[in-house]
Amino acid sequence: MARTGQMCGAVNGALMVIGLAHGATAADDSAGKEKTYAVSREFWSRFIERHGSLICRELLGVDIGTPEGRDWAMRTSLFKIKCPVFVRDAAEMVDQLL
């Protein structure tokens, strides 16, 4: 997210959807919190199993947090080739888990 090369934006988006679906609705809603954590961990496990990581620079094979890495990713169309696959797979996994 935000060209840091850290957590994949598709993963972050999926976690937000999981939180909206199962998250705690009150400060003392420990059941909602635990459900969110369990579904999030299952999502992470599935995503890592399919793609090997949750981290952008590992998924893309380049650190887009650097100007050189970002330029290389742009020149080789990584954002057009790989990122849509991560978004699609994350959406499908969340759909299966909700």
PDB file of N, CA and C in Angstrom:
ATOM      1  N   MET A   1       0.836  -1.178   0.000  1.00  0.00           N
ATOM      2  CA  MET A   1       0.000   0.000   0.000  1.00  0.00           C
ATOM      3  C   MET A   1       0.881   1.241   0.000  1.00  0.00           C
ATOM      4  N   ALA A   2       0.432   2.216  -0.719  1.00  0.00           N
ATOM      5  CA  ALA A   2       1.111   3.519  -0.772  1.00  0.00           C
ATOM      6  C   ALA A   2       2.559   3.402  -1.235  1.00  0.00           C
ATOM      7  N   ARG A   3       2.821   2.430  -2.110  1.00  0.00           N
ATOM      8  CA  ARG A   3       4.157   2.215  -2.690  1.00  0.00           C
ATOM      9  C   ARG A   3       5.237   1.988  -1.636  1.00  0.00           C
ATOM     10  N   THR A   4       4.894   1.273  -0.569  1.00  0.00           N
ATOM     11  CA  THR A   4       5.899   0.990   0.459  1.00  0.00           C
ATOM     12  C   THR A   4       6.572  -0.351   0.246  1.00  0.00           C
ATOM     13  N   GLY A   5       5.932  -1.237  -0.519  1.00  0.00           N
ATOM     14  CA  GLY A   5       6.466  -2.577  -0.683  1.00  0.00           C
ATOM     15  C   GLY A   5       6.127  -3.468   0.505  1.00  0.00           C
ATOM     16  N   GLN A   6       5.303  -2.993   1.405  1.00  0.00           N
ATOM     17  CA  GLN A   6       4.926  -3.762   2.605  1.00  0.00           C
ATOM     18  C   GLN A   6       3.723  -4.657   2.293  1.00  0.00           C
ATOM     19  N   MET A   7       2.739  -4.673   3.147  1.00  0.00           N
ATOM     20  CA  MET A   7       1.568  -5.538   2.962  1.00  0.00           C
ATOM     21  C   MET A   7       0.873  -5.217   1.640  1.00  0.00           C
ATOM     22  N   CYS A   8       0.535  -6.258   0.895  1.00  0.00           N
ATOM     23  CA  CYS A   8      -0.155  -6.125  -0.385  1.00  0.00           C
ATOM     24  C   CYS A   8      -1.485  -5.394  -0.190  1.00  0.00           C
ATOM     25  N   GLY A   9      -1.801  -4.474  -1.046  1.00  0.00           N
ATOM     26  CA  GLY A   9      -3.046  -3.725  -0.967  1.00  0.00           C
ATOM     27  C   GLY A   9      -4.271  -4.606  -1.105  1.00  0.00           C
ATOM     28  N   ALA A  10      -4.191  -5.659  -1.903  1.00  0.00           N
ATOM     29  CA  ALA A  10      -5.319  -6.587  -2.042  1.00  0.00           C
ATOM     30  C   ALA A  10      -5.569  -7.314  -0.727  1.00  0.00           C
ATOM     31  N   VAL A  11      -4.512  -7.639  -0.019  1.00  0.00           N
ATOM     32  CA  VAL A  11      -4.630  -8.287   1.287  1.00  0.00           C
ATOM     33  C   VAL A  11      -5.260  -7.313   2.284  1.00  0.00           C
ATOM     34  N   ASN A  12      -4.777  -6.080   2.300  1.00  0.00           N
ATOM     35  CA  ASN A  12      -5.352  -5.078   3.200  1.00  0.00           C
ATOM     36  C   ASN A  12      -6.842  -4.876   2.926  1.00  0.00           C
ATOM     37  N   GLY A  13      -7.203  -4.799   1.674  1.00  0.00           N
ATOM     38  CA  GLY A  13      -8.610  -4.631   1.318  1.00  0.00           C
ATOM     39  C   GLY A  13      -9.451  -5.811   1.786  1.00  0.00           C
ATOM     40  N   ALA A  14      -8.925  -7.011   1.617  1.00  0.00           N
ATOM     41  CA  ALA A  14      -9.642  -8.205   2.055  1.00  0.00           C
ATOM     42  C   ALA A  14      -9.846  -8.189   3.566  1.00  0.00           C
ATOM     43  N   LEU A  15      -8.832  -7.766   4.294  1.00  0.00           N
ATOM     44  CA  LEU A  15      -8.946  -7.711   5.753  1.00  0.00           C
ATOM     45  C   LEU A  15      -9.976  -6.673   6.193  1.00  0.00           C
ATOM     46  N   MET A  16     -10.087  -5.586   5.455  1.00  0.00           N
ATOM     47  CA  MET A  16     -11.114  -4.592   5.777  1.00  0.00           C
ATOM     48  C   MET A  16     -12.509  -5.171   5.578  1.00  0.00           C
ATOM     49  N   VAL A  17     -12.700  -5.918   4.506  1.00  0.00           N
ATOM     50  CA  VAL A  17     -14.006  -6.539   4.250  1.00  0.00           C
ATOM     51  C   VAL A  17     -14.332  -7.546   5.349  1.00  0.00           C
ATOM     52  N   ILE A  18     -13.354  -8.348   5.734  1.00  0.00           N
ATOM     53  CA  ILE A  18     -13.565  -9.315   6.813  1.00  0.00           C
ATOM     54  C   ILE A  18     -13.941  -8.584   8.102  1.00  0.00           C
ATOM     55  N   GLY A  19     -13.251  -7.502   8.399  1.00  0.00           N
ATOM     56  CA  GLY A  19     -13.562  -6.723   9.589  1.00  0.00           C
ATOM     57  C   GLY A  19     -14.960  -6.133   9.558  1.00  0.00           C
ATOM     58  N   LEU A  20     -15.372  -5.657   8.404  1.00  0.00           N
ATOM     59  CA  LEU A  20     -16.729  -5.112   8.284  1.00  0.00           C
ATOM     60  C   LEU A  20     -17.793  -6.199   8.462  1.00  0.00           C
ATOM     61  N   ALA A  21     -17.489  -7.390   7.979  1.00  0.00           N
ATOM     62  CA  ALA A  21     -18.460  -8.487   8.048  1.00  0.00           C
ATOM     63  C   ALA A  21     -18.541  -9.113   9.439  1.00  0.00           C
ATOM     64  N   HIS A  22     -17.417  -9.222  10.113  1.00  0.00           N
ATOM     65  CA  HIS A  22     -17.382  -9.987  11.364  1.00  0.00           C
ATOM     66  C   HIS A  22     -16.881  -9.196  12.563  1.00  0.00           C
ATOM     67  N   GLY A  23     -16.457  -7.973  12.360  1.00  0.00           N
ATOM     68  CA  GLY A  23     -15.806  -7.221  13.418  1.00  0.00           C
ATOM     69  C   GLY A  23     -16.681  -6.924  14.618  1.00  0.00           C
ATOM     70  N   ALA A  24     -16.011  -6.581  15.688  1.00  0.00           N
ATOM     71  CA  ALA A  24     -16.696  -6.230  16.928  1.00  0.00           C
ATOM     72  C   ALA A  24     -17.591  -5.020  16.701  1.00  0.00           C
ATOM     73  N   THR A  25     -18.783  -5.099  17.248  1.00  0.00           N
ATOM     74  CA  THR A  25     -19.732  -3.983  17.113  1.00  0.00           C
ATOM     75  C   THR A  25     -19.781  -3.136  18.368  1.00  0.00           C
ATOM     76  N   ALA A  26     -19.100  -3.583  19.416  1.00  0.00           N
ATOM     77  CA  ALA A  26     -19.001  -2.833  20.668  1.00  0.00           C
ATOM     78  C   ALA A  26     -17.666  -3.189  21.313  1.00  0.00           C
ATOM     79  N   ALA A  27     -17.210  -2.346  22.210  1.00  0.00           N
ATOM     80  CA  ALA A  27     -15.907  -2.563  22.839  1.00  0.00           C
ATOM     81  C   ALA A  27     -15.812  -3.909  23.551  1.00  0.00           C
ATOM     82  N   ASP A  28     -16.919  -4.396  24.070  1.00  0.00           N
ATOM     83  CA  ASP A  28     -16.896  -5.664  24.799  1.00  0.00           C
ATOM     84  C   ASP A  28     -17.340  -6.867  23.942  1.00  0.00           C
ATOM     85  N   ASP A  29     -17.372  -6.701  22.634  1.00  0.00           N
ATOM     86  CA  ASP A  29     -17.788  -7.775  21.719  1.00  0.00           C
ATOM     87  C   ASP A  29     -16.599  -8.683  21.418  1.00  0.00           C
ATOM     88  N   SER A  30     -16.227  -9.486  22.383  1.00  0.00           N
ATOM     89  CA  SER A  30     -15.069 -10.360  22.192  1.00  0.00           C
ATOM     90  C   SER A  30     -15.347 -11.466  21.173  1.00  0.00           C
ATOM     91  N   ALA A  31     -16.603 -11.886  21.043  1.00  0.00           N
ATOM     92  CA  ALA A  31     -16.935 -12.918  20.053  1.00  0.00           C
ATOM     93  C   ALA A  31     -16.706 -12.398  18.626  1.00  0.00           C
ATOM     94  N   GLY A  32     -17.127 -11.164  18.377  1.00  0.00           N
ATOM     95  CA  GLY A  32     -16.894 -10.561  17.064  1.00  0.00           C
ATOM     96  C   GLY A  32     -15.424 -10.416  16.759  1.00  0.00           C
ATOM     97  N   LYS A  33     -14.665 -10.006  17.747  1.00  0.00           N
ATOM     98  CA  LYS A  33     -13.218  -9.842  17.582  1.00  0.00           C
ATOM     99  C   LYS A  33     -12.569 -11.192  17.274  1.00  0.00           C
ATOM    100  N   GLU A  34     -12.934 -12.218  18.021  1.00  0.00           N
ATOM    101  CA  GLU A  34     -12.354 -13.542  17.809  1.00  0.00           C
ATOM    102  C   GLU A  34     -12.732 -14.109  16.440  1.00  0.00           C
ATOM    103  N   LYS A  35     -13.965 -13.885  16.001  1.00  0.00           N
ATOM    104  CA  LYS A  35     -14.401 -14.332  14.673  1.00  0.00           C
ATOM    105  C   LYS A  35     -13.576 -13.633  13.597  1.00  0.00           C
ATOM    106  N   THR A  36     -13.384 -12.334  13.755  1.00  0.00           N
ATOM    107  CA  THR A  36     -12.579 -11.567  12.800  1.00  0.00           C
ATOM    108  C   THR A  36     -11.159 -12.102  12.739  1.00  0.00           C
ATOM    109  N   TYR A  37     -10.559 -12.356  13.890  1.00  0.00           N
ATOM    110  CA  TYR A  37      -9.194 -12.876  13.927  1.00  0.00           C
ATOM    111  C   TYR A  37      -9.110 -14.242  13.257  1.00  0.00           C
ATOM    112  N   ALA A  38     -10.073 -15.104  13.542  1.00  0.00           N
ATOM    113  CA  ALA A  38     -10.047 -16.458  12.970  1.00  0.00           C
ATOM    114  C   ALA A  38     -10.198 -16.425  11.448  1.00  0.00           C
ATOM    115  N   VAL A  39     -11.139 -15.641  10.951  1.00  0.00           N
ATOM    116  CA  VAL A  39     -11.352 -15.551   9.507  1.00  0.00           C
ATOM    117  C   VAL A  39     -10.140 -14.885   8.845  1.00  0.00           C
ATOM    118  N   SER A  40      -9.574 -13.874   9.480  1.00  0.00           N
ATOM    119  CA  SER A  40      -8.381 -13.200   8.940  1.00  0.00           C
ATOM    120  C   SER A  40      -7.217 -14.171   8.835  1.00  0.00           C
ATOM    121  N   ARG A  41      -6.993 -14.970   9.871  1.00  0.00           N
ATOM    122  CA  ARG A  41      -5.899 -15.943   9.834  1.00  0.00           C
ATOM    123  C   ARG A  41      -6.121 -16.987   8.737  1.00  0.00           C
ATOM    124  N   GLU A  42      -7.351 -17.413   8.557  1.00  0.00           N
ATOM    125  CA  GLU A  42      -7.648 -18.373   7.485  1.00  0.00           C
ATOM    126  C   GLU A  42      -7.392 -17.737   6.121  1.00  0.00           C
ATOM    127  N   PHE A  43      -7.794 -16.477   5.956  1.00  0.00           N
ATOM    128  CA  PHE A  43      -7.521 -15.772   4.703  1.00  0.00           C
ATOM    129  C   PHE A  43      -6.016 -15.705   4.457  1.00  0.00           C
ATOM    130  N   TRP A  44      -5.254 -15.275   5.472  1.00  0.00           N
ATOM    131  CA  TRP A  44      -3.794 -15.178   5.320  1.00  0.00           C
ATOM    132  C   TRP A  44      -3.208 -16.512   4.888  1.00  0.00           C
ATOM    133  N   SER A  45      -3.651 -17.570   5.554  1.00  0.00           N
ATOM    134  CA  SER A  45      -3.140 -18.899   5.251  1.00  0.00           C
ATOM    135  C   SER A  45      -3.398 -19.276   3.792  1.00  0.00           C
ATOM    136  N   ARG A  46      -4.607 -19.044   3.322  1.00  0.00           N
ATOM    137  CA  ARG A  46      -4.954 -19.363   1.928  1.00  0.00           C
ATOM    138  C   ARG A  46      -4.166 -18.504   0.940  1.00  0.00           C
ATOM    139  N   PHE A  47      -4.029 -17.218   1.243  1.00  0.00           N
ATOM    140  CA  PHE A  47      -3.318 -16.324   0.327  1.00  0.00           C
ATOM    141  C   PHE A  47      -1.842 -16.719   0.249  1.00  0.00           C
ATOM    142  N   ILE A  48      -1.247 -16.984   1.397  1.00  0.00           N
ATOM    143  CA  ILE A  48       0.159 -17.392   1.414  1.00  0.00           C
ATOM    144  C   ILE A  48       0.336 -18.727   0.697  1.00  0.00           C
ATOM    145  N   GLU A  49      -0.584 -19.654   0.911  1.00  0.00           N
ATOM    146  CA  GLU A  49      -0.495 -20.951   0.234  1.00  0.00           C
ATOM    147  C   GLU A  49      -0.499 -20.782  -1.277  1.00  0.00           C
ATOM    148  N   ARG A  50      -1.327 -19.874  -1.768  1.00  0.00           N
ATOM    149  CA  ARG A  50      -1.441 -19.670  -3.214  1.00  0.00           C
ATOM    150  C   ARG A  50      -0.303 -18.824  -3.779  1.00  0.00           C
ATOM    151  N   HIS A  51       0.113 -17.781  -3.028  1.00  0.00           N
ATOM    152  CA  HIS A  51       1.063 -16.822  -3.602  1.00  0.00           C
ATOM    153  C   HIS A  51       2.421 -16.753  -2.899  1.00  0.00           C
ATOM    154  N   GLY A  52       2.553 -17.405  -1.756  1.00  0.00           N
ATOM    155  CA  GLY A  52       3.851 -17.468  -1.092  1.00  0.00           C
ATOM    156  C   GLY A  52       4.146 -16.357  -0.108  1.00  0.00           C
ATOM    157  N   SER A  53       3.332 -15.336  -0.062  1.00  0.00           N
ATOM    158  CA  SER A  53       3.605 -14.204   0.820  1.00  0.00           C
ATOM    159  C   SER A  53       2.393 -13.284   0.894  1.00  0.00           C
ATOM    160  N   LEU A  54       2.422 -12.384   1.860  1.00  0.00           N
ATOM    161  CA  LEU A  54       1.448 -11.292   1.963  1.00  0.00           C
ATOM    162  C   LEU A  54       2.109  -9.952   1.636  1.00  0.00           C
ATOM    163  N   ILE A  55       3.423  -9.987   1.447  1.00  0.00           N
ATOM    164  CA  ILE A  55       4.235  -8.777   1.306  1.00  0.00           C
ATOM    165  C   ILE A  55       4.441  -8.429  -0.171  1.00  0.00           C
ATOM    166  N   CYS A  56       4.119  -7.204  -0.513  1.00  0.00           N
ATOM    167  CA  CYS A  56       4.167  -6.730  -1.902  1.00  0.00           C
ATOM    168  C   CYS A  56       5.513  -6.995  -2.569  1.00  0.00           C
ATOM    169  N   ARG A  57       6.588  -6.572  -1.940  1.00  0.00           N
ATOM    170  CA  ARG A  57       7.901  -6.712  -2.594  1.00  0.00           C
ATOM    171  C   ARG A  57       8.256  -8.175  -2.828  1.00  0.00           C
ATOM    172  N   GLU A  58       7.757  -9.067  -1.974  1.00  0.00           N
ATOM    173  CA  GLU A  58       7.997 -10.500  -2.176  1.00  0.00           C
ATOM    174  C   GLU A  58       7.095 -11.050  -3.279  1.00  0.00           C
ATOM    175  N   LEU A  59       5.863 -10.574  -3.326  1.00  0.00           N
ATOM    176  CA  LEU A  59       4.927 -11.023  -4.361  1.00  0.00           C
ATOM    177  C   LEU A  59       5.375 -10.566  -5.748  1.00  0.00           C
ATOM    178  N   LEU A  60       5.851  -9.330  -5.831  1.00  0.00           N
ATOM    179  CA  LEU A  60       6.265  -8.779  -7.124  1.00  0.00           C
ATOM    180  C   LEU A  60       7.706  -9.118  -7.486  1.00  0.00           C
ATOM    181  N   GLY A  61       8.519  -9.443  -6.483  1.00  0.00           N
ATOM    182  CA  GLY A  61       9.926  -9.729  -6.737  1.00  0.00           C
ATOM    183  C   GLY A  61      10.768  -8.482  -6.910  1.00  0.00           C
ATOM    184  N   VAL A  62      10.227  -7.347  -6.467  1.00  0.00           N
ATOM    185  CA  VAL A  62      10.953  -6.078  -6.555  1.00  0.00           C
ATOM    186  C   VAL A  62      10.397  -5.152  -5.473  1.00  0.00           C
ATOM    187  N   ASP A  63      11.241  -4.305  -4.927  1.00  0.00           N
ATOM    188  CA  ASP A  63      10.819  -3.373  -3.889  1.00  0.00           C
ATOM    189  C   ASP A  63      10.327  -2.081  -4.526  1.00  0.00           C
ATOM    190  N   ILE A  64       9.015  -1.943  -4.621  1.00  0.00           N
ATOM    191  CA  ILE A  64       8.449  -0.739  -5.233  1.00  0.00           C
ATOM    192  C   ILE A  64       8.521   0.461  -4.284  1.00  0.00           C
ATOM    193  N   GLY A  65       9.092   0.254  -3.104  1.00  0.00           N
ATOM    194  CA  GLY A  65       9.329   1.358  -2.177  1.00  0.00           C
ATOM    195  C   GLY A  65      10.533   2.193  -2.561  1.00  0.00           C
ATOM    196  N   THR A  66      11.269   1.717  -3.561  1.00  0.00           N
ATOM    197  CA  THR A  66      12.416   2.482  -4.063  1.00  0.00           C
ATOM    198  C   THR A  66      12.088   3.002  -5.454  1.00  0.00           C
ATOM    199  N   PRO A  67      12.656   4.134  -5.838  1.00  0.00           N
ATOM    200  CA  PRO A  67      12.406   4.644  -7.198  1.00  0.00           C
ATOM    201  C   PRO A  67      12.830   3.647  -8.279  1.00  0.00           C
ATOM    202  N   GLU A  68      13.957   2.982  -8.070  1.00  0.00           N
ATOM    203  CA  GLU A  68      14.439   2.018  -9.059  1.00  0.00           C
ATOM    204  C   GLU A  68      13.490   0.829  -9.186  1.00  0.00           C
ATOM    205  N   GLY A  69      13.032   0.333  -8.058  1.00  0.00           N
ATOM    206  CA  GLY A  69      12.108  -0.789  -8.069  1.00  0.00           C
ATOM    207  C   GLY A  69      10.780  -0.428  -8.706  1.00  0.00           C
ATOM    208  N   ARG A  70      10.275   0.746  -8.367  1.00  0.00           N
ATOM    209  CA  ARG A  70       9.011   1.214  -8.948  1.00  0.00           C
ATOM    210  C   ARG A  70       9.145   1.392 -10.453  1.00  0.00           C
ATOM    211  N   ASP A  71      10.259   1.982 -10.901  1.00  0.00           N
ATOM    212  CA  ASP A  71      10.487   2.158 -12.337  1.00  0.00           C
ATOM    213  C   ASP A  71      10.550   0.804 -13.053  1.00  0.00           C
ATOM    214  N   TRP A  72      11.251  -0.154 -12.447  1.00  0.00           N
ATOM    215  CA  TRP A  72      11.356  -1.478 -13.062  1.00  0.00           C
ATOM    216  C   TRP A  72       9.978  -2.139 -13.141  1.00  0.00           C
ATOM    217  N   ALA A  73       9.190  -2.029 -12.071  1.00  0.00           N
ATOM    218  CA  ALA A  73       7.847  -2.607 -12.074  1.00  0.00           C
ATOM    219  C   ALA A  73       6.979  -1.973 -13.157  1.00  0.00           C
ATOM    220  N   MET A  74       7.110  -0.677 -13.344  1.00  0.00           N
ATOM    221  CA  MET A  74       6.342   0.010 -14.394  1.00  0.00           C
ATOM    222  C   MET A  74       6.793  -0.445 -15.782  1.00  0.00           C
ATOM    223  N   ARG A  75       8.099  -0.502 -15.996  1.00  0.00           N
ATOM    224  CA  ARG A  75       8.635  -0.891 -17.315  1.00  0.00           C
ATOM    225  C   ARG A  75       8.244  -2.317 -17.692  1.00  0.00           C
ATOM    226  N   THR A  76       8.154  -3.192 -16.708  1.00  0.00           N
ATOM    227  CA  THR A  76       7.854  -4.600 -16.985  1.00  0.00           C
ATOM    228  C   THR A  76       6.366  -4.925 -16.812  1.00  0.00           C
ATOM    229  N   SER A  77       5.554  -3.909 -16.570  1.00  0.00           N
ATOM    230  CA  SER A  77       4.094  -4.054 -16.430  1.00  0.00           C
ATOM    231  C   SER A  77       3.674  -4.979 -15.286  1.00  0.00           C
ATOM    232  N   LEU A  78       4.479  -5.048 -14.235  1.00  0.00           N
ATOM    233  CA  LEU A  78       4.136  -5.911 -13.107  1.00  0.00           C
ATOM    234  C   LEU A  78       2.780  -5.558 -12.502  1.00  0.00           C
ATOM    235  N   PHE A  79       2.489  -4.271 -12.402  1.00  0.00           N
ATOM    236  CA  PHE A  79       1.223  -3.843 -11.797  1.00  0.00           C
ATOM    237  C   PHE A  79       0.026  -4.295 -12.642  1.00  0.00           C
ATOM    238  N   LYS A  80       0.212  -4.400 -13.929  1.00  0.00           N
ATOM    239  CA  LYS A  80      -0.874  -4.830 -14.821  1.00  0.00           C
ATOM    240  C   LYS A  80      -0.954  -6.350 -14.927  1.00  0.00           C
ATOM    241  N   ILE A  81       0.171  -7.014 -14.736  1.00  0.00           N
ATOM    242  CA  ILE A  81       0.218  -8.463 -14.893  1.00  0.00           C
ATOM    243  C   ILE A  81      -0.097  -9.184 -13.584  1.00  0.00           C
ATOM    244  N   LYS A  82       0.575  -8.807 -12.511  1.00  0.00           N
ATOM    245  CA  LYS A  82       0.455  -9.548 -11.258  1.00  0.00           C
ATOM    246  C   LYS A  82      -0.632  -9.033 -10.325  1.00  0.00           C
ATOM    247  N   CYS A  83      -0.746  -7.719 -10.173  1.00  0.00           N
ATOM    248  CA  CYS A  83      -1.673  -7.168  -9.177  1.00  0.00           C
ATOM    249  C   CYS A  83      -3.130  -7.565  -9.408  1.00  0.00           C
ATOM    250  N   PRO A  84      -3.624  -7.565 -10.641  1.00  0.00           N
ATOM    251  CA  PRO A  84      -5.009  -8.009 -10.831  1.00  0.00           C
ATOM    252  C   PRO A  84      -5.256  -9.451 -10.376  1.00  0.00           C
ATOM    253  N   VAL A  85      -4.255 -10.295 -10.481  1.00  0.00           N
ATOM    254  CA  VAL A  85      -4.377 -11.678 -10.011  1.00  0.00           C
ATOM    255  C   VAL A  85      -4.516 -11.695  -8.492  1.00  0.00           C
ATOM    256  N   PHE A  86      -3.715 -10.875  -7.802  1.00  0.00           N
ATOM    257  CA  PHE A  86      -3.795 -10.824  -6.346  1.00  0.00           C
ATOM    258  C   PHE A  86      -5.153 -10.289  -5.892  1.00  0.00           C
ATOM    259  N   VAL A  87      -5.655  -9.274  -6.570  1.00  0.00           N
ATOM    260  CA  VAL A  87      -6.961  -8.707  -6.226  1.00  0.00           C
ATOM    261  C   VAL A  87      -8.062  -9.741  -6.469  1.00  0.00           C
ATOM    262  N   ARG A  88      -8.030 -10.389  -7.616  1.00  0.00           N
ATOM    263  CA  ARG A  88      -9.042 -11.400  -7.936  1.00  0.00           C
ATOM    264  C   ARG A  88      -9.028 -12.526  -6.914  1.00  0.00           C
ATOM    265  N   ASP A  89      -7.847 -13.044  -6.629  1.00  0.00           N
ATOM    266  CA  ASP A  89      -7.741 -14.167  -5.701  1.00  0.00           C
ATOM    267  C   ASP A  89      -8.168 -13.763  -4.291  1.00  0.00           C
ATOM    268  N   ALA A  90      -7.784 -12.569  -3.850  1.00  0.00           N
ATOM    269  CA  ALA A  90      -8.180 -12.099  -2.521  1.00  0.00           C
ATOM    270  C   ALA A  90      -9.709 -11.975  -2.443  1.00  0.00           C
ATOM    271  N   ALA A  91     -10.319 -11.430  -3.479  1.00  0.00           N
ATOM    272  CA  ALA A  91     -11.783 -11.280  -3.489  1.00  0.00           C
ATOM    273  C   ALA A  91     -12.468 -12.649  -3.467  1.00  0.00           C
ATOM    274  N   GLU A  92     -11.960 -13.590  -4.245  1.00  0.00           N
ATOM    275  CA  GLU A  92     -12.546 -14.931  -4.258  1.00  0.00           C
ATOM    276  C   GLU A  92     -12.414 -15.613  -2.899  1.00  0.00           C
ATOM    277  N   MET A  93     -11.266 -15.456  -2.270  1.00  0.00           N
ATOM    278  CA  MET A  93     -11.048 -16.073  -0.959  1.00  0.00           C
ATOM    279  C   MET A  93     -11.973 -15.471   0.087  1.00  0.00           C
ATOM    280  N   VAL A  94     -12.099 -14.164   0.084  1.00  0.00           N
ATOM    281  CA  VAL A  94     -12.991 -13.519   1.047  1.00  0.00           C
ATOM    282  C   VAL A  94     -14.433 -13.960   0.807  1.00  0.00           C
ATOM    283  N   ASP A  95     -14.834 -14.039  -0.449  1.00  0.00           N
ATOM    284  CA  ASP A  95     -16.181 -14.489  -0.771  1.00  0.00           C
ATOM    285  C   ASP A  95     -16.430 -15.894  -0.212  1.00  0.00           C
ATOM    286  N   GLN A  96     -15.449 -16.766  -0.313  1.00  0.00           N
ATOM    287  CA  GLN A  96     -15.584 -18.127   0.207  1.00  0.00           C
ATOM    288  C   GLN A  96     -15.654 -18.145   1.735  1.00  0.00           C
ATOM    289  N   LEU A  97     -14.976 -17.213   2.378  1.00  0.00           N
ATOM    290  CA  LEU A  97     -14.908 -17.196   3.840  1.00  0.00           C
ATOM    291  C   LEU A  97     -16.071 -16.493   4.516  1.00  0.00           C
ATOM    292  N   LEU A  98     -16.781 -15.652   3.785  1.00  0.00           N
ATOM    293  CA  LEU A  98     -17.872 -14.903   4.430  1.00  0.00           C
ATOM    294  C   LEU A  98     -19.174 -15.671   4.459  1.00  0.00           C
TER     295      LEU A  98
END
